Amino acid sequence: MRRQILFVRMSVFVVLAFAVVGFAEDKGRRRLAKPTVNAESYISIRLNGDYDFQKVAIGDLDGDGAYEYVIKQPNFNTDPYQHPGYWKKSTTTYKLEAYRLDGTMMWRYDMGWSIEAGIWYSPWIVYDVDGDGRAEVYCKAGEGDPRDEKGLVQTGPEYLVKIDGRTGKIVAKTDWLSRDGFPSYNYYCRNFLAVAYLDGVKPALIMQRGTYNVIKTQALDKAFKRIWYWEAAQEKKKYSGQGSHGLITADVDGDGRDELVIGAAVLDDNGKGLWTLEMGHPDVCYCGDIDPDNPGLEVFYGFETRQKTDGICVVDAKTGRKLWAHKKPSRHLHGQGMAADILAEYPGMEVFAGERDLKERWLYSSQGELIKFSETGSLTPRALWWDADPQKEVVISGAIRDWGGEAIQPVKGRVIAVVDCLGDYREEVITSLKGEMRIYTTNIPTSESRPPLMQDRQYRLGVVAQTMGYYYPAQLGK
């Protein structure tokens, strides 16, 4: 099946054609015609109200071969940490809304008052787990209004629900991981979802609860039948407190089956600990082919947990062996940092991290050479393939630009995602404005012919995981 979509906006003529379907819902999808666009080109999707949104998911909800877009709105966030400036009472409930690329709203799902309005309470993902050719929505759910007088949700049933991507209706549910065993509200309110091909063939759902001490992880098949269950406390080595602010699915040992990078530790496809650094909680965590001279994949870390040394490091993803590290103390490396090939003169990816409370930022080469130290700059630059050269650009300060360079493309709105959603190997920038979603796409011609990035399993599953926890740009697995 093919679907052709035509857009005209601000004298911009965009023709897109898609073909279906290979790897899960994505492998056979490709862009058949590149848009002809001007320098201000973007696709505009008008929302069903004058609000902005916090997250966006991408999937073929109705099986027609074209992606739909599911948003979570509004952009309100509370944090379970009971300290001024973090937790605040939810003023509204989150809504998930599905839109076609032509702006048609398909449905709205209200997450309800049992889900406090913060990213750690409300994990959700979009993917075709059951294999019927249509993506489903999975999210954490509860019942009724269990808030106490302060506004905290500390009691009541908790579920994982499956939502039909065509209708927005719940079609199945199972129990969420329990609150039992956690020291306090701050710790049990940190929840995650992901998808992994644990057997290398079929997608499995991954639920996780906990980051800073107790960590519980469970894998489920498409019928919500348990594949395995894991707790950090069952391991001999220290896996407790090694969680990050996201879940990375990657085949770190090259056996064709996915592992889970939960932070400073990795779970094997069988639900057993593969390795742990025992260094605590990293804010910055990326897995990809960072160093081309080291076989396989690597993981780049920037640790929130205070370190006497090695707070910034790159390790071998299969073994956890450190390849190099920053040999100075670190206090609290913060944000999402960056791992991307942004400089042609250095092989592999460059990696970037910085302190939350100090004027210290570091840009390293893939092999540990300090390229630049600076006192200012964003802790969360978003890297993307935008033009026709092999290096990535960054979207920062309202524009897409080369690292340290002038603006190439102005971008309006808050950047929500960087993803190859229109089909060639370059990436789009999705932004949120009041009442509008914009999808910026490059107008720079290229003679390169590469597969869409969504055909790479690790990249596709990285995009899936971007709707919960911190936003980490997806990395290729090959």
Protein backbone atom coordinates (compact mmCIF):
# COMPACT_ATOMS: atom_id res chain seq x y z
CA MET A 1 0.00 0.00 0.00
CA ARG A 2 1.19 3.52 -0.73
CA ARG A 3 -0.10 6.81 0.47
CA GLN A 4 0.73 10.18 -1.07
CA ILE A 5 0.51 13.29 1.06
CA LEU A 6 0.55 16.80 -0.35
CA PHE A 7 1.29 19.95 1.64
CA VAL A 8 1.24 23.58 0.58
CA ARG A 9 2.34 26.16 3.15
CA MET A 10 4.03 29.55 2.74
CA SER A 11 4.77 28.83 -0.94
CA VAL A 12 6.30 25.53 0.06
CA PHE A 13 5.41 22.53 -2.09
CA VAL A 14 5.98 19.21 -0.38
CA VAL A 15 5.26 15.82 -1.92
CA LEU A 16 5.85 12.73 0.18
CA ALA A 17 5.24 9.12 -0.74
CA PHE A 18 5.61 6.13 1.54
CA ALA A 19 5.84 2.41 0.94
CA VAL A 20 5.07 -0.27 3.50
CA VAL A 21 6.23 -2.42 5.50
CA GLY A 22 9.26 -4.35 6.72
CA PHE A 23 11.07 -4.19 10.07
CA ALA A 24 8.14 -4.12 12.44
CA GLU A 25 6.12 -1.23 11.01
CA ASP A 26 9.11 0.56 9.52
CA LYS A 27 11.66 -1.48 7.62
CA GLY A 28 10.06 -1.22 4.21
CA ARG A 29 9.01 2.38 4.62
CA ARG A 30 11.02 4.78 2.50
CA ARG A 31 10.68 8.22 1.06
CA LEU A 32 10.08 7.96 -2.67
CA ALA A 33 10.22 11.69 -3.39
CA LYS A 34 12.24 14.27 -1.49
CA PRO A 35 10.35 17.47 -0.62
CA THR A 36 11.14 20.62 -2.55
CA VAL A 37 11.11 23.25 0.17
CA ASN A 38 12.33 26.75 0.93
CA ALA A 39 14.51 27.89 3.81
CA GLU A 40 11.56 28.27 6.18
CA SER A 41 9.97 24.94 5.35
CA TYR A 42 8.00 23.05 7.93
CA ILE A 43 4.86 20.97 8.06
CA SER A 44 2.27 22.41 10.43
CA ILE A 45 -0.19 20.29 12.38
CA ARG A 46 -2.80 22.37 14.18
CA LEU A 47 -3.73 20.97 17.58
CA ASN A 48 -7.23 20.71 18.96
CA GLY A 49 -6.77 23.66 21.30
CA ASP A 50 -4.44 26.51 22.25
CA TYR A 51 -1.96 24.42 24.23
CA ASP A 52 1.56 23.15 23.81
CA PHE A 53 2.71 19.59 24.32
CA GLN A 54 5.46 17.82 26.24
CA LYS A 55 6.25 14.67 24.22
CA VAL A 56 5.55 13.20 20.79
CA ALA A 57 5.48 9.58 19.60
CA ILE A 58 5.55 8.31 16.03
CA GLY A 59 3.86 5.20 14.69
CA ASP A 60 1.53 3.87 12.02
CA LEU A 61 -1.64 3.72 14.09
CA ASP A 62 -4.06 2.63 11.37
CA GLY A 63 -1.89 0.45 9.13
CA ASP A 64 -2.08 2.71 6.07
CA GLY A 65 1.68 2.96 5.68
CA ALA A 66 2.04 6.55 6.91
CA TYR A 67 3.14 7.66 10.34
CA GLU A 68 0.71 9.27 12.74
CA TYR A 69 1.80 11.46 15.64
CA VAL A 70 0.70 11.04 19.25
CA ILE A 71 1.33 13.91 21.66
CA LYS A 72 1.10 14.19 25.42
CA GLN A 73 -0.29 17.53 26.59
CA PRO A 74 -0.07 19.92 28.34
CA ASN A 75 3.59 20.76 28.95
CA PHE A 76 3.33 20.61 32.75
CA ASN A 77 5.80 18.67 34.83
CA THR A 78 6.09 17.79 38.49
CA ASP A 79 8.91 15.76 40.03
CA PRO A 80 8.60 13.29 42.92
CA TYR A 81 11.57 14.83 44.78
CA GLN A 82 10.04 16.50 47.85
CA HIS A 83 12.06 19.70 47.72
CA PRO A 84 11.11 23.28 46.76
CA GLY A 85 11.13 23.72 43.00
CA TYR A 86 10.56 20.04 42.21
CA TRP A 87 7.24 18.55 43.31
CA LYS A 88 4.11 20.63 42.77
CA LYS A 89 0.46 19.75 42.79
CA SER A 90 -0.89 18.70 39.42
CA THR A 91 -3.31 21.30 38.08
CA THR A 92 -4.70 19.16 35.28
CA THR A 93 -4.50 15.66 33.82
CA TYR A 94 -2.37 14.55 30.91
CA LYS A 95 -4.07 13.81 27.61
CA LEU A 96 -2.72 11.70 24.78
CA GLU A 97 -3.88 12.89 21.36
CA ALA A 98 -3.36 11.21 17.99
CA TYR A 99 -3.04 13.21 14.76
CA ARG A 100 -2.61 12.35 11.13
CA LEU A 101 0.00 14.29 9.20
CA ASP A 102 -2.77 16.25 7.47
CA GLY A 103 -3.89 17.58 10.87
CA THR A 104 -6.88 15.29 11.40
CA MET A 105 -7.28 14.44 15.07
CA MET A 106 -8.04 10.74 15.52
CA TRP A 107 -8.73 10.49 19.24
CA ARG A 108 -7.95 11.75 22.75
CA TYR A 109 -7.19 9.61 25.81
CA ASP A 110 -7.27 11.19 29.30
CA MET A 111 -4.69 9.63 31.64
CA GLY A 112 -6.77 10.75 34.65
CA TRP A 113 -6.02 11.96 38.17
CA SER A 114 -4.43 8.66 39.20
CA ILE A 115 -1.43 9.70 37.08
CA GLU A 116 0.28 12.80 38.43
CA ALA A 117 1.38 15.23 35.73
CA GLY A 118 5.10 14.51 35.53
CA ILE A 119 7.33 12.44 33.27
CA TRP A 120 8.20 9.90 35.97
CA TYR A 121 4.55 9.12 36.73
CA SER A 122 3.36 8.83 33.14
CA PRO A 123 5.52 6.57 30.95
CA TRP A 124 3.98 5.82 27.56
CA ILE A 125 5.19 4.47 24.23
CA VAL A 126 3.86 3.78 20.73
CA TYR A 127 4.85 0.65 18.79
CA ASP A 128 3.39 -2.35 16.98
CA VAL A 129 4.14 -4.98 19.62
CA ASP A 130 1.36 -7.40 18.71
CA GLY A 131 2.45 -7.59 15.05
CA ASP A 132 -0.87 -6.75 13.38
CA GLY A 133 0.62 -3.98 11.23
CA ARG A 134 -0.78 -1.19 13.39
CA ALA A 135 0.98 0.52 16.28
CA GLU A 136 -0.53 0.41 19.74
CA VAL A 137 -0.14 2.86 22.62
CA TYR A 138 1.04 1.53 25.98
CA CYS A 139 0.97 3.60 29.16
CA LYS A 140 0.81 3.48 32.93
CA ALA A 141 -2.71 3.88 34.32
CA GLY A 142 -4.74 3.79 37.51
CA GLU A 143 -8.32 4.17 38.69
CA GLY A 144 -10.43 7.10 39.82
CA ASP A 145 -8.93 9.94 41.85
CA PRO A 146 -6.66 8.50 44.57
CA ARG A 147 -4.90 11.79 45.43
CA ASP A 148 -4.42 12.59 49.11
CA GLU A 149 -5.06 16.01 50.67
CA LYS A 150 -1.71 17.30 49.45
CA GLY A 151 -2.23 16.00 45.93
CA LEU A 152 0.11 13.00 46.05
CA VAL A 153 -0.89 9.63 44.61
CA GLN A 154 0.45 7.03 47.05
CA THR A 155 -2.29 4.41 46.98
CA GLY A 156 -4.59 2.69 44.53
CA PRO A 157 -4.19 0.11 41.79
CA GLU A 158 -1.64 0.66 39.02
CA TYR A 159 -1.73 -0.87 35.56
CA LEU A 160 -0.03 -1.11 32.23
CA VAL A 161 -2.72 -0.60 29.59
CA LYS A 162 -2.79 -1.27 25.87
CA ILE A 163 -4.65 1.31 23.80
CA ASP A 164 -5.92 0.64 20.29
CA GLY A 165 -4.05 3.01 17.99
CA ARG A 166 -7.08 3.50 15.75
CA THR A 167 -9.63 4.38 18.44
CA GLY A 168 -7.80 5.46 21.59
CA LYS A 169 -9.72 2.85 23.62
CA ILE A 170 -8.16 0.54 26.22
CA VAL A 171 -8.19 -3.05 24.97
CA ALA A 172 -6.05 -4.83 27.59
CA LYS A 173 -4.38 -4.22 30.93
CA THR A 174 -2.11 -5.88 33.46
CA ASP A 175 -0.68 -4.95 36.84
CA TRP A 176 2.16 -2.45 37.03
CA LEU A 177 5.25 -3.22 39.09
CA SER A 178 4.42 -2.79 42.77
CA ARG A 179 5.44 0.06 45.10
CA ASP A 180 6.60 -2.50 47.69
CA GLY A 181 10.20 -2.38 48.86
CA PHE A 182 10.97 1.23 47.97
CA PRO A 183 12.17 3.57 50.73
CA SER A 184 9.75 6.41 49.90
CA TYR A 185 7.43 8.12 47.44
CA ASN A 186 10.36 9.87 45.73
CA TYR A 187 11.84 6.53 44.70
CA TYR A 188 8.79 4.46 43.74
CA CYS A 189 7.35 7.21 41.52
CA ARG A 190 10.04 6.76 38.84
CA ASN A 191 8.66 4.58 36.06
CA PHE A 192 9.79 3.57 32.57
CA LEU A 193 8.63 1.73 29.44
CA ALA A 194 10.54 0.44 26.43
CA VAL A 195 10.51 -2.20 23.69
CA ALA A 196 13.24 -4.79 23.11
CA TYR A 197 13.75 -7.77 20.79
CA LEU A 198 14.95 -10.09 23.55
CA ASP A 199 14.93 -13.15 21.29
CA GLY A 200 16.04 -11.17 18.24
CA VAL A 201 12.72 -11.85 16.50
CA LYS A 202 9.67 -10.63 18.45
CA PRO A 203 9.21 -7.32 20.27
CA ALA A 204 8.75 -7.47 24.03
CA LEU A 205 7.48 -4.80 26.40
CA ILE A 206 9.83 -3.64 29.15
CA MET A 207 8.48 -2.12 32.38
CA GLN A 208 10.79 -0.62 34.98
CA ARG A 209 10.37 1.06 38.34
CA GLY A 210 13.16 2.79 40.26
CA THR A 211 16.38 4.67 39.61
CA TYR A 212 18.29 5.71 42.72
CA ASN A 213 18.15 2.54 44.87
CA VAL A 214 15.59 -0.26 44.33
CA ILE A 215 15.15 -1.13 40.64
CA LYS A 216 12.55 -3.59 39.34
CA THR A 217 12.36 -4.60 35.67
CA GLN A 218 9.92 -6.91 33.92
CA ALA A 219 9.66 -8.15 30.34
CA LEU A 220 6.26 -9.04 28.86
CA ASP A 221 5.17 -10.56 25.57
CA LYS A 222 2.40 -9.15 23.39
CA ALA A 223 -0.27 -10.88 25.51
CA PHE A 224 1.17 -9.38 28.73
CA LYS A 225 2.58 -12.75 29.74
CA ARG A 226 5.73 -12.46 31.81
CA ILE A 227 8.98 -13.38 30.04
CA TRP A 228 11.19 -12.58 33.01
CA TYR A 229 11.34 -10.44 36.14
CA TRP A 230 14.45 -8.86 37.65
CA GLU A 231 15.33 -6.90 40.77
CA ALA A 232 18.64 -5.20 41.41
CA ALA A 233 18.84 -6.73 44.88
CA GLN A 234 19.03 -10.28 43.50
CA GLU A 235 22.46 -9.63 41.95
CA LYS A 236 25.70 -10.23 43.86
CA LYS A 237 27.26 -7.06 42.49
CA LYS A 238 25.81 -3.61 43.04
CA TYR A 239 23.04 -2.98 40.53
CA SER A 240 20.93 -0.97 42.98
CA GLY A 241 21.03 2.76 42.33
CA GLN A 242 22.59 2.37 38.88
CA GLY A 243 19.56 3.59 36.93
CA SER A 244 19.55 6.52 34.54
CA HIS A 245 16.70 8.75 33.38
CA GLY A 246 15.84 6.51 30.44
CA LEU A 247 16.08 2.97 29.06
CA ILE A 248 18.29 2.11 26.09
CA THR A 249 17.63 -0.98 23.99
CA ALA A 250 20.77 -2.21 22.20
CA ASP A 251 22.41 -5.46 21.12
CA VAL A 252 25.59 -4.76 23.09
CA ASP A 253 27.16 -8.23 22.71
CA GLY A 254 26.40 -8.81 19.03
CA ASP A 255 24.32 -11.96 19.50
CA GLY A 256 21.29 -10.59 17.64
CA ARG A 257 19.27 -10.18 20.84
CA ASP A 258 18.68 -6.90 22.62
CA GLU A 259 20.07 -5.99 26.00
CA LEU A 260 18.90 -3.15 28.27
CA VAL A 261 21.22 -0.34 29.25
CA ILE A 262 19.41 0.74 32.42
CA GLY A 263 22.09 3.28 33.33
CA ALA A 264 25.47 2.40 34.76
CA ALA A 265 24.56 -1.27 34.33
CA VAL A 266 23.30 -3.58 31.59
CA LEU A 267 20.77 -6.42 31.74
CA ASP A 268 21.26 -9.33 29.35
CA ASP A 269 18.42 -10.50 27.11
CA ASN A 270 17.62 -13.28 29.63
CA GLY A 271 16.93 -10.85 32.48
CA LYS A 272 20.25 -11.37 34.25
CA GLY A 273 22.83 -8.73 35.06
CA LEU A 274 25.51 -8.52 32.36
CA TRP A 275 27.74 -5.90 33.97
CA THR A 276 27.65 -2.94 36.33
CA LEU A 277 30.03 -0.04 36.92
CA GLU A 278 28.83 0.35 40.54
CA MET A 279 29.28 4.13 40.18
CA GLY A 280 25.72 5.29 40.83
CA HIS A 281 23.31 7.28 38.71
CA PRO A 282 24.24 8.83 35.33
CA ASP A 283 22.27 11.73 33.89
CA VAL A 284 24.09 11.40 30.56
CA CYS A 285 23.88 7.98 28.91
CA TYR A 286 24.29 7.09 25.21
CA CYS A 287 25.00 3.78 23.50
CA GLY A 288 26.31 3.61 19.95
CA ASP A 289 29.40 3.10 17.82
CA ILE A 290 31.23 5.98 19.47
CA ASP A 291 34.81 4.80 18.91
CA PRO A 292 35.35 3.18 15.48
CA ASP A 293 38.63 1.63 16.66
CA ASN A 294 36.93 -0.36 19.41
CA PRO A 295 34.92 -3.36 18.13
CA GLY A 296 31.18 -3.16 18.66
CA LEU A 297 29.30 -0.51 20.62
CA GLU A 298 30.30 1.82 23.42
CA VAL A 299 28.42 3.65 26.19
CA PHE A 300 29.12 7.29 27.08
CA TYR A 301 28.36 8.44 30.62
CA GLY A 302 28.14 11.65 32.59
CA PHE A 303 27.35 10.93 36.25
CA GLU A 304 25.02 12.85 38.52
CA THR A 305 26.47 10.90 41.44
CA ARG A 306 29.53 12.76 42.73
CA GLN A 307 32.77 11.11 41.57
CA LYS A 308 36.38 11.53 42.65
CA THR A 309 37.35 10.58 39.10
CA ASP A 310 35.83 9.06 35.93
CA GLY A 311 32.58 11.05 36.14
CA ILE A 312 32.79 11.35 32.36
CA CYS A 313 33.77 8.11 30.66
CA VAL A 314 33.31 5.86 27.65
CA VAL A 315 33.07 2.10 28.23
CA ASP A 316 32.88 -0.99 26.06
CA ALA A 317 29.17 -1.84 25.82
CA LYS A 318 29.73 -5.60 25.89
CA THR A 319 31.90 -5.75 29.00
CA GLY A 320 31.68 -2.40 30.81
CA ARG A 321 35.46 -2.00 30.52
CA LYS A 322 36.44 1.66 30.63
CA LEU A 323 38.15 2.82 27.45
CA TRP A 324 38.96 6.25 28.86
CA ALA A 325 37.75 8.63 31.55
CA HIS A 326 37.88 12.22 32.77
CA LYS A 327 40.51 12.10 35.52
CA LYS A 328 39.21 14.94 37.69
CA PRO A 329 36.50 15.14 40.34
CA SER A 330 32.94 15.83 39.23
CA ARG A 331 30.06 17.15 41.33
CA HIS A 332 26.83 16.71 39.35
CA LEU A 333 26.98 16.23 35.60
CA HIS A 334 23.53 17.21 34.43
CA GLY A 335 21.09 17.16 31.53
CA GLN A 336 21.37 14.86 28.56
CA GLY A 337 24.75 15.91 27.19
CA MET A 338 25.51 14.75 23.66
CA ALA A 339 27.17 11.95 21.68
CA ALA A 340 27.48 12.68 17.95
CA ASP A 341 29.97 12.99 15.11
CA ILE A 342 30.02 16.78 14.81
CA LEU A 343 33.68 17.37 13.81
CA ALA A 344 35.19 15.85 10.67
CA GLU A 345 38.77 16.14 11.92
CA TYR A 346 38.19 13.60 14.73
CA PRO A 347 37.24 9.95 14.08
CA GLY A 348 34.00 8.62 15.48
CA MET A 349 31.64 10.55 17.73
CA GLU A 350 32.46 13.48 19.93
CA VAL A 351 30.96 13.46 23.42
CA PHE A 352 29.86 16.41 25.55
CA ALA A 353 28.85 16.83 29.19
CA GLY A 354 28.76 19.59 31.79
CA GLU A 355 28.22 20.40 35.45
CA ARG A 356 24.87 21.60 36.77
CA ASP A 357 26.21 24.02 39.39
CA LEU A 358 29.63 24.90 37.98
CA LYS A 359 30.77 26.72 34.84
CA GLU A 360 32.38 23.61 33.40
CA ARG A 361 31.64 21.90 30.09
CA TRP A 362 33.84 19.39 28.27
CA LEU A 363 33.90 18.25 24.65
CA TYR A 364 35.96 15.09 24.15
CA SER A 365 36.90 13.05 21.11
CA SER A 366 35.78 9.43 20.87
CA GLN A 367 39.19 8.35 22.16
CA GLY A 368 39.37 10.70 25.13
CA GLU A 369 41.21 13.72 23.75
CA LEU A 370 39.93 16.95 25.28
CA ILE A 371 38.83 19.07 22.33
CA LYS A 372 37.42 22.02 24.23
CA PHE A 373 36.68 23.18 27.76
CA SER A 374 34.14 25.97 28.14
CA GLU A 375 32.36 27.77 30.96
CA THR A 376 28.99 28.31 29.29
CA GLY A 377 26.64 26.61 26.88
CA SER A 378 23.59 24.37 26.87
CA LEU A 379 23.81 21.08 28.73
CA THR A 380 21.41 19.52 26.20
CA PRO A 381 22.43 20.27 22.60
CA ARG A 382 20.42 18.16 20.14
CA ALA A 383 22.52 16.69 17.34
CA LEU A 384 21.00 15.72 13.99
CA TRP A 385 21.82 14.89 10.39
CA TRP A 386 20.55 17.94 8.48
CA ASP A 387 22.75 18.72 5.49
CA ALA A 388 24.58 16.52 2.98
CA ASP A 389 27.89 15.94 4.77
CA PRO A 390 28.64 12.99 7.09
CA GLN A 391 28.78 15.12 10.24
CA LYS A 392 25.82 16.08 12.34
CA GLU A 393 24.63 19.58 13.09
CA VAL A 394 23.05 20.75 16.36
CA VAL A 395 19.78 22.50 17.09
CA ILE A 396 20.44 25.05 19.79
CA SER A 397 19.44 28.65 20.60
CA GLY A 398 16.54 28.67 18.16
CA ALA A 399 18.38 27.41 15.10
CA ILE A 400 20.08 24.48 13.42
CA ARG A 401 23.81 25.14 13.04
CA ASP A 402 27.18 23.51 12.70
CA TRP A 403 28.86 23.03 16.08
CA GLY A 404 30.12 26.49 17.05
CA GLY A 405 28.84 27.94 13.76
CA GLU A 406 26.25 30.33 12.43
CA ALA A 407 22.57 29.49 12.03
CA ILE A 408 21.66 27.37 9.00
CA GLN A 409 17.92 27.05 9.64
CA PRO A 410 15.81 29.04 12.13
CA VAL A 411 13.57 26.87 14.29
CA LYS A 412 10.62 28.27 16.22
CA GLY A 413 9.07 26.63 19.24
CA ARG A 414 10.36 24.28 21.91
CA VAL A 415 12.30 21.37 20.43
CA ILE A 416 10.47 18.13 21.29
CA ALA A 417 12.20 15.56 19.08
CA VAL A 418 14.87 15.00 16.46
CA VAL A 419 13.96 12.03 14.27
CA ASP A 420 14.00 10.75 10.70
CA CYS A 421 10.21 10.66 10.36
CA LEU A 422 9.90 11.64 6.68
CA GLY A 423 12.06 8.91 5.30
CA ASP A 424 15.59 9.71 4.14
CA TYR A 425 18.67 9.49 6.34
CA ARG A 426 18.45 13.15 7.36
CA GLU A 427 16.46 14.02 10.44
CA GLU A 428 13.52 16.31 11.09
CA VAL A 429 13.08 18.63 14.06
CA ILE A 430 9.67 18.52 15.76
CA THR A 431 8.74 21.58 17.82
CA SER A 432 5.82 22.67 19.98
CA LEU A 433 4.14 26.06 19.78
CA LYS A 434 0.82 27.10 21.27
CA GLY A 435 -1.79 25.12 19.39
CA GLU A 436 0.66 23.80 16.81
CA MET A 437 3.18 21.07 16.07
CA ARG A 438 5.84 21.85 13.49
CA ILE A 439 8.01 19.37 11.63
CA TYR A 440 11.05 21.10 10.16
CA THR A 441 12.70 19.26 7.27
CA THR A 442 15.86 20.05 5.31
CA ASN A 443 15.79 21.57 1.84
CA ILE A 444 19.48 20.83 1.21
CA PRO A 445 19.92 18.43 -1.74
CA THR A 446 22.05 15.33 -1.43
CA SER A 447 23.31 12.71 -3.85
CA GLU A 448 23.59 10.18 -1.02
CA SER A 449 21.21 7.25 -1.04
CA ARG A 450 21.00 5.69 2.40
CA PRO A 451 18.34 3.63 4.16
CA PRO A 452 15.92 5.55 6.39
CA LEU A 453 17.25 5.65 9.93
CA MET A 454 14.05 4.04 11.23
CA GLN A 455 15.14 0.80 9.55
CA ASP A 456 17.92 0.49 12.12
CA ARG A 457 16.44 -1.45 15.05
CA GLN A 458 18.34 0.36 17.78
CA TYR A 459 17.48 3.75 16.32
CA ARG A 460 13.79 2.83 15.96
CA LEU A 461 13.54 1.57 19.52
CA GLY A 462 15.43 4.63 20.72
CA VAL A 463 12.70 6.74 19.14
CA VAL A 464 10.09 4.61 20.93
CA ALA A 465 11.71 5.30 24.31
CA GLN A 466 11.84 9.07 23.82
CA THR A 467 8.30 9.57 25.11
CA MET A 468 9.20 8.66 28.68
CA GLY A 469 11.95 9.90 30.98
CA TYR A 470 14.57 12.32 29.71
CA TYR A 471 14.82 12.93 26.00
CA TYR A 472 17.89 11.22 24.51
CA PRO A 473 18.34 11.43 20.71
CA ALA A 474 18.32 7.93 19.22
CA GLN A 475 21.59 6.31 18.14
CA LEU A 476 22.25 3.86 15.33
CA GLY A 477 23.16 0.31 16.23
CA LYS A 478 25.09 -0.32 13.00
